Protein backbone atom coordinates (compact mmCIF):
# COMPACT_ATOMS: atom_id res chain seq x y z
CA UNK A 1 0.00 0.00 0.00
CA UNK A 2 2.67 2.54 1.00
CA UNK A 3 4.84 1.83 -2.04
CA UNK A 4 1.84 2.42 -4.28
CA UNK A 5 0.93 5.53 -2.32
CA UNK A 6 4.38 7.04 -2.74
CA UNK A 7 4.42 6.15 -6.41
CA UNK A 8 1.24 8.15 -6.88
CA UNK A 9 2.65 10.95 -4.77
CA UNK A 10 5.88 11.42 -6.69
CA UNK A 11 4.28 11.02 -10.09
CA UNK A 12 1.82 13.74 -9.11
CA UNK A 13 4.62 15.90 -7.78
CA UNK A 14 6.81 16.03 -10.87
CA UNK A 15 5.02 14.09 -13.61
CA UNK A 16 7.98 11.75 -14.20
CA UNK A 17 8.37 9.85 -10.94
CA UNK A 18 11.80 11.44 -10.38
CA UNK A 19 12.12 11.75 -6.63
CA UNK A 20 14.96 14.29 -6.65
CA UNK A 21 12.80 16.80 -8.54
CA UNK A 22 9.95 16.68 -6.03
CA UNK A 23 9.46 19.34 -3.33
CA UNK A 24 11.41 18.93 -0.08
CA UNK A 25 8.22 18.09 1.81
CA UNK A 26 7.56 15.20 -0.57
CA UNK A 27 11.12 13.92 -0.24
CA UNK A 28 10.88 14.18 3.55
CA UNK A 29 7.58 12.31 3.44
CA UNK A 30 9.23 9.37 1.68
CA UNK A 31 11.58 9.12 4.65
CA UNK A 32 8.70 9.35 7.15
CA UNK A 33 6.87 6.51 5.43
CA UNK A 34 9.76 4.18 6.26
CA UNK A 35 8.48 4.51 9.84
CA UNK A 36 5.08 3.13 8.78
CA UNK A 37 5.06 -0.67 9.14
CA UNK A 38 4.14 -2.70 6.07
CA UNK A 39 1.49 -4.51 8.09
CA UNK A 40 -0.12 -4.14 11.49
CA UNK A 41 2.02 -5.76 14.23
CA UNK A 42 0.64 -8.57 16.38
CA UNK A 43 -1.79 -7.34 19.00
CA UNK A 44 -2.40 -4.17 17.04
CA UNK A 45 -5.52 -2.29 18.04
CA UNK A 46 -5.06 -2.05 21.79
CA UNK A 47 -4.90 1.41 23.29
CA UNK A 48 -3.40 2.61 26.53
CA UNK A 49 -0.09 1.20 27.69
CA UNK A 50 0.25 -0.59 24.33
CA UNK A 51 -1.08 1.79 21.72
CA UNK A 52 -1.66 0.78 18.10
CA UNK A 53 1.65 1.94 16.67
CA UNK A 54 1.59 3.49 13.22
CA UNK A 55 4.51 5.86 12.58
CA UNK A 56 5.66 6.48 16.16
CA UNK A 57 5.48 5.02 19.65
CA UNK A 58 2.96 7.65 20.85
CA UNK A 59 -0.70 7.69 19.84
CA UNK A 60 -0.96 11.50 19.66
CA UNK A 61 2.15 11.74 17.51
CA UNK A 62 0.67 9.21 15.09
CA UNK A 63 -2.17 11.70 14.64
CA UNK A 64 0.39 14.40 13.84
CA UNK A 65 2.11 12.11 11.35
CA UNK A 66 -1.16 11.37 9.54
CA UNK A 67 -2.06 15.05 9.36
CA UNK A 68 1.44 16.05 8.23
CA UNK A 69 1.39 13.35 5.55
CA UNK A 70 -2.00 14.45 4.24
CA UNK A 71 -0.79 18.03 3.99
CA UNK A 72 2.41 17.03 2.19
CA UNK A 73 0.57 14.99 -0.46
CA UNK A 74 -0.87 16.85 -3.45
CA UNK A 75 -2.84 14.00 -5.00
CA UNK A 76 -6.36 13.40 -3.63
CA UNK A 77 -6.31 9.71 -4.50
CA UNK A 78 -3.12 9.26 -2.51
CA UNK A 79 -4.58 11.17 0.44
CA UNK A 80 -7.72 9.04 0.38
CA UNK A 81 -5.64 5.84 0.19
CA UNK A 82 -3.57 6.81 3.21
CA UNK A 83 -6.64 7.70 5.31
CA UNK A 84 -8.27 4.39 4.38
CA UNK A 85 -5.10 2.43 5.16
CA UNK A 86 -4.79 3.99 8.61
CA UNK A 87 -8.45 3.28 9.33
CA UNK A 88 -8.13 -0.32 8.10
CA UNK A 89 -5.33 -1.13 10.54
CA UNK A 90 -7.58 -1.07 13.56
CA UNK A 91 -8.08 -4.63 14.75
CA UNK A 92 -9.92 -3.31 17.79
CA UNK A 93 -12.82 -0.83 17.69
CA UNK A 94 -11.56 2.66 16.83
CA UNK A 95 -13.51 3.94 19.83
CA UNK A 96 -10.66 2.57 21.95
CA UNK A 97 -9.18 6.01 21.32
CA UNK A 98 -11.61 7.10 24.04
CA UNK A 99 -9.35 5.36 26.55
CA UNK A 100 -6.58 7.87 25.90
CA UNK A 101 -6.21 11.33 27.42
CA UNK A 102 -8.40 14.17 26.19
CA UNK A 103 -5.65 15.90 24.26
CA UNK A 104 -4.81 12.65 22.40
CA UNK A 105 -8.46 12.38 21.40
CA UNK A 106 -8.45 15.94 20.10
CA UNK A 107 -5.25 15.45 18.09
CA UNK A 108 -7.07 12.57 16.39
CA UNK A 109 -10.15 14.76 16.00
CA UNK A 110 -8.05 17.12 13.90
CA UNK A 111 -6.43 14.34 11.89
CA UNK A 112 -9.74 12.72 10.99
CA UNK A 113 -11.01 16.15 9.92
CA UNK A 114 -8.05 16.24 7.50
CA UNK A 115 -9.37 12.95 6.09
CA UNK A 116 -13.04 14.01 6.09
CA UNK A 117 -13.18 15.03 2.38
CA UNK A 118 -12.68 11.35 1.51
CA UNK A 119 -15.34 9.69 3.67
CA UNK A 120 -18.16 10.75 5.98
CA UNK A 121 -16.89 8.08 8.37
CA UNK A 122 -13.90 10.27 9.22
CA UNK A 123 -16.08 13.26 10.05
CA UNK A 124 -18.19 11.00 12.26
CA UNK A 125 -15.05 9.96 14.13
CA UNK A 126 -14.01 13.59 14.60
CA UNK A 127 -17.39 14.57 16.00
CA UNK A 128 -17.56 11.54 18.30
CA UNK A 129 -14.12 12.20 19.78
CA UNK A 130 -14.92 15.90 20.20
CA UNK A 131 -18.19 15.07 21.98
CA UNK A 132 -16.46 12.62 24.30
CA UNK A 133 -13.96 15.26 25.41
CA UNK A 134 -16.60 17.96 25.74
CA UNK A 135 -18.42 15.74 28.25
CA UNK A 136 -15.60 16.50 30.74
CA UNK A 137 -16.47 20.23 30.80
CA UNK A 138 -16.94 21.27 34.41
CA UNK A 139 -17.96 24.83 35.28
CA UNK A 140 -17.85 23.99 38.98
CA UNK A 141 -14.09 23.53 38.90
CA UNK A 142 -12.01 26.56 37.88
CA UNK A 143 -15.09 28.06 36.23
CA UNK A 144 -15.07 25.86 33.12
CA UNK A 145 -12.82 24.09 30.68
CA UNK A 146 -12.35 20.39 29.95
CA UNK A 147 -10.13 17.93 31.77
CA UNK A 148 -6.82 16.63 30.48
CA UNK A 149 -7.97 13.14 31.46
CA UNK A 150 -11.47 12.16 32.53
CA UNK A 151 -10.06 10.21 35.48
CA UNK A 152 -8.13 13.23 36.81
CA UNK A 153 -8.88 16.81 37.84
CA UNK A 154 -6.10 18.58 35.91
CA UNK A 155 -7.14 21.23 33.41
CA UNK A 156 -4.37 22.18 31.04
CA UNK A 157 -3.69 24.57 28.21
CA UNK A 158 -3.12 22.17 25.34
CA UNK A 159 -6.37 20.25 25.79
CA UNK A 160 -8.50 23.39 25.96
CA UNK A 161 -6.68 25.11 23.10
CA UNK A 162 -7.23 21.96 21.03
CA UNK A 163 -10.91 22.06 21.94
CA UNK A 164 -11.13 25.58 20.49
CA UNK A 165 -9.28 24.58 17.32
CA UNK A 166 -11.13 21.32 16.74
CA UNK A 167 -14.46 23.07 17.31
CA UNK A 168 -13.52 25.64 14.67
CA UNK A 169 -12.39 23.00 12.20
CA UNK A 170 -15.56 20.93 12.57
CA UNK A 171 -17.63 24.10 12.17
CA UNK A 172 -15.80 24.94 8.92
CA UNK A 173 -16.80 21.55 7.52
CA UNK A 174 -20.34 21.28 8.89
CA UNK A 175 -21.46 24.88 9.61
CA UNK A 176 -23.19 23.44 12.68
CA UNK A 177 -23.35 26.40 15.00
CA UNK A 178 -22.88 24.54 18.28
CA UNK A 179 -19.25 23.96 17.36
CA UNK A 180 -18.60 27.66 16.90
CA UNK A 181 -20.38 28.33 20.19
CA UNK A 182 -18.13 25.79 21.92
CA UNK A 183 -15.03 27.43 20.43
CA UNK A 184 -16.07 30.89 21.60
CA UNK A 185 -17.11 29.70 25.06
CA UNK A 186 -13.84 27.82 25.54
CA UNK A 187 -11.74 30.81 24.41
CA UNK A 188 -13.59 33.16 26.76
CA UNK A 189 -12.89 30.81 29.65
CA UNK A 190 -9.27 30.29 28.55
CA UNK A 191 -8.63 34.03 28.32
CA UNK A 192 -9.70 34.49 31.94
CA UNK A 193 -8.06 31.35 33.32
CA UNK A 194 -4.61 32.83 33.91
CA UNK A 195 -2.89 30.34 31.60
CA UNK A 196 -1.74 33.22 29.37
CA UNK A 197 0.85 35.00 31.48
CA UNK A 198 1.88 38.64 31.49
CA UNK A 199 4.42 37.93 28.74
CA UNK A 200 1.68 36.47 26.50
CA UNK A 201 3.19 33.00 26.87
CA UNK A 202 0.95 30.02 27.55
CA UNK A 203 1.80 27.99 30.67
CA UNK A 204 1.02 24.31 31.05
CA UNK A 205 -2.17 24.36 33.12
CA UNK A 206 -3.94 25.07 36.40
CA UNK A 207 -3.31 23.82 39.94
CA UNK A 208 -6.08 22.30 42.05
CA UNK A 209 -6.53 25.83 43.43
CA UNK A 210 -7.00 27.07 39.85
CA UNK A 211 -3.73 28.99 39.74
CA UNK A 212 -1.55 28.89 36.60
CA UNK A 213 1.28 26.40 36.79
CA UNK A 214 4.04 24.91 34.67
CA UNK A 215 6.47 26.17 32.09
CA UNK A 216 5.55 27.63 28.71
CA UNK A 217 5.90 25.23 25.78
CA UNK A 218 5.88 26.28 22.16
CA UNK A 219 3.06 23.95 21.16
CA UNK A 220 0.73 25.49 23.75
CA UNK A 221 1.32 28.89 22.18
CA UNK A 222 1.10 27.39 18.71
CA UNK A 223 -2.29 25.75 19.08
CA UNK A 224 -3.71 28.87 20.71
CA UNK A 225 -2.38 31.00 17.81
CA UNK A 226 -4.02 28.60 15.35
CA UNK A 227 -7.28 28.59 17.33
CA UNK A 228 -7.52 32.37 17.43
CA UNK A 229 -6.62 32.62 13.75
CA UNK A 230 -9.43 30.18 12.94
CA UNK A 231 -11.91 32.11 15.07
CA UNK A 232 -10.97 35.26 13.17
CA UNK A 233 -11.42 33.53 9.81
CA UNK A 234 -14.90 32.37 10.83
CA UNK A 235 -16.17 35.52 12.57
CA UNK A 236 -14.08 38.33 11.02
CA UNK A 237 -13.75 39.70 14.56
CA UNK A 238 -10.36 41.42 14.62
CA UNK A 239 -10.05 40.99 18.39
CA UNK A 240 -9.25 37.32 17.81
CA UNK A 241 -6.50 38.17 15.33
CA UNK A 242 -5.10 40.82 17.69
CA UNK A 243 -4.84 38.25 20.47
CA UNK A 244 -3.26 35.76 18.08
CA UNK A 245 -0.70 38.44 17.20
CA UNK A 246 0.20 39.03 20.85
CA UNK A 247 0.76 35.31 21.42
CA UNK A 248 2.65 34.86 18.13
CA UNK A 249 5.03 37.74 18.82
CA UNK A 250 5.74 36.41 22.30
CA UNK A 251 6.33 32.90 20.99
CA UNK A 252 8.72 34.08 18.27
CA UNK A 253 10.73 35.99 20.84
CA UNK A 254 10.75 33.22 23.46
CA UNK A 255 11.18 30.02 21.47
CA UNK A 256 14.47 30.57 19.65
CA UNK A 257 17.73 28.71 19.45
CA UNK A 258 20.53 30.22 21.52
CA UNK A 259 23.00 29.33 18.76
CA UNK A 260 20.99 30.49 15.77
CA UNK A 261 18.62 33.40 16.42
CA UNK A 262 15.42 33.05 14.45
CA UNK A 263 15.44 29.24 14.51
CA UNK A 264 12.42 27.92 16.42
CA UNK A 265 13.36 25.87 19.48
CA UNK A 266 11.98 24.85 22.87
CA UNK A 267 13.94 25.01 26.10
CA UNK A 268 14.74 21.31 25.79
CA UNK A 269 16.77 21.97 22.63
CA UNK A 270 18.16 25.49 22.74
CA UNK A 271 21.24 24.48 20.77
CA UNK A 272 22.81 21.50 19.03
CA UNK A 273 25.03 20.98 22.07
CA UNK A 274 22.19 21.47 24.55
CA UNK A 275 19.41 19.30 23.15
CA UNK A 276 17.74 16.80 25.44
CA UNK A 277 14.06 16.74 24.52
CA UNK A 278 11.91 13.85 25.63
CA UNK A 279 9.79 12.05 23.04
CA UNK A 280 6.95 14.58 23.36
CA UNK A 281 9.16 17.66 23.22
CA UNK A 282 10.56 16.74 19.80
CA UNK A 283 7.14 17.54 18.30
CA UNK A 284 6.59 20.94 19.84
CA UNK A 285 8.33 23.31 17.41
CA UNK A 286 6.81 21.57 14.39
CA UNK A 287 3.36 22.26 15.82
CA UNK A 288 4.33 25.88 16.40
CA UNK A 289 5.51 26.21 12.78
CA UNK A 290 2.27 24.77 11.40
CA UNK A 291 0.27 27.11 13.63
CA UNK A 292 2.25 30.15 12.55
CA UNK A 293 1.42 29.24 8.94
CA UNK A 294 -2.27 29.31 9.88
CA UNK A 295 -1.71 32.77 11.37
CA UNK A 296 -0.11 33.91 8.10
CA UNK A 297 -2.99 32.45 6.10
CA UNK A 298 -5.51 34.31 8.27
CA UNK A 299 -3.83 37.63 7.44
CA UNK A 300 -2.06 38.20 10.73
CA UNK A 301 1.42 38.53 9.25
CA UNK A 302 1.08 42.15 8.19
CA UNK A 303 4.78 42.86 7.62
CA UNK A 304 5.71 39.41 6.28
CA UNK A 305 8.02 38.69 9.21
CA UNK A 306 6.41 35.40 10.22
CA UNK A 307 6.49 34.03 6.69
CA UNK A 308 10.17 34.97 6.49
CA UNK A 309 10.88 33.17 9.76
CA UNK A 310 9.16 30.03 8.50
CA UNK A 311 11.08 30.15 5.23
CA UNK A 312 14.39 30.66 7.04
CA UNK A 313 13.69 27.74 9.39
CA UNK A 314 12.62 25.44 6.57
CA UNK A 315 15.64 26.21 4.41
CA UNK A 316 17.96 25.78 7.38
CA UNK A 317 16.42 22.47 8.46
CA UNK A 318 16.51 21.12 4.91
CA UNK A 319 20.10 22.21 4.38
CA UNK A 320 21.08 20.41 7.59
CA UNK A 321 19.26 17.13 6.84
CA UNK A 322 21.02 13.85 6.18
CA UNK A 323 21.37 14.15 2.42
CA UNK A 324 21.42 10.38 1.93
CA UNK A 325 18.13 9.67 3.72
CA UNK A 326 16.46 13.13 3.90
CA UNK A 327 16.17 12.64 7.68
CA UNK A 328 15.60 15.98 9.40
CA UNK A 329 17.17 16.53 12.80
CA UNK A 330 15.66 17.54 16.11
CA UNK A 331 17.54 20.86 16.12
CA UNK A 332 16.85 22.57 12.83
CA UNK A 333 20.04 24.64 12.90
CA UNK A 334 22.15 21.47 12.88
CA UNK A 335 21.02 17.88 12.42
CA UNK A 336 21.36 15.65 15.48
CA UNK A 337 21.35 12.37 13.61
CA UNK A 338 24.00 10.14 15.12
CA UNK A 339 22.61 7.40 17.35
CA UNK A 340 19.12 8.90 17.17
CA UNK A 341 16.46 6.61 18.61
CA UNK A 342 14.35 5.34 15.68
CA UNK A 343 11.10 6.50 17.26
CA UNK A 344 12.58 9.93 17.96
CA UNK A 345 13.71 10.11 14.33
CA UNK A 346 10.15 9.47 13.13
CA UNK A 347 8.81 12.19 15.42
CA UNK A 348 11.51 14.63 14.30
CA UNK A 349 10.67 13.87 10.66
CA UNK A 350 7.01 14.65 11.29
CA UNK A 351 7.97 18.01 12.81
CA UNK A 352 10.25 18.68 9.86
CA UNK A 353 7.46 17.99 7.37
CA UNK A 354 5.14 20.32 9.29
CA UNK A 355 7.81 23.02 8.97
CA UNK A 356 8.40 22.43 5.25
CA UNK A 357 4.70 22.54 4.40
CA UNK A 358 4.25 25.61 6.62
CA UNK A 359 6.87 27.36 4.50
CA UNK A 360 5.39 26.10 1.23
CA UNK A 361 8.41 23.94 0.41
């Protein structure tokens, strides 16, 4: 299936099937698809401690990989084939996704929306996952918001920012007004929660006493930027775009490499020599890049600075890839490729593809 898929992809990209002539994102995608097993491993379909591995060893990052792949493919038949192949690999009911944390469910909500042009089944999945998360809304605790995990009491930034974004994306497809209402309600709660600090950075979440807690991470800022950009696109209310601009400017200033100013980086990888991200952290700056592209698309990049940053990052990351395999490193200013854990490499490649497509490469 994947060999056929890539054959369609590269033929569509350059008309001759010559891989070297295809865009960088397409070449990077070929590398990512080596992470995708030829067949489902034994026991595939369980969720929880043993998730149904696709590209990576983390269920939420598989959702990112699917979405990144869809966005890097130009051919609709190839996109449809990939969505169908992912869906076909579930030996257990897909609703097992409900057993994961709320943010994992919302990452998959967004990925199935990316597949929704090719089957109504994928839109159904998106709406079902969204509904399941929304059931954890609790106005009696911290005034609103959904829980990070239905078995816990923690309310965090990423889950609620994803609720805003997924609500917007479902509304764009269905025009069902309750989704827009959910997005607006969640943003109004988020804005008053204290999770956006005085520097316009987004901290991790709220304590049991409903006080902001945790460090800022670039993906928290990124998803909020994307959410506000989407709200502006839907409503044409410039207040949303103004708030997106505040968060974007703060993120661009805060999340930079110490070695290469202008290169997006989280604290876990501030330089090639100081890069120790855990498996999750490898994804963060790719999500920020994709979100900044949404901000540009919404018209927020008035002076062209954000688009220039994305282009600079993409060119730098591509120049520093492993030229033999097109593997992109964790630190975009200099590939960290030696002895890279295979799962980490797949996650880093997903982030790299998000960056390349964000920059139109």
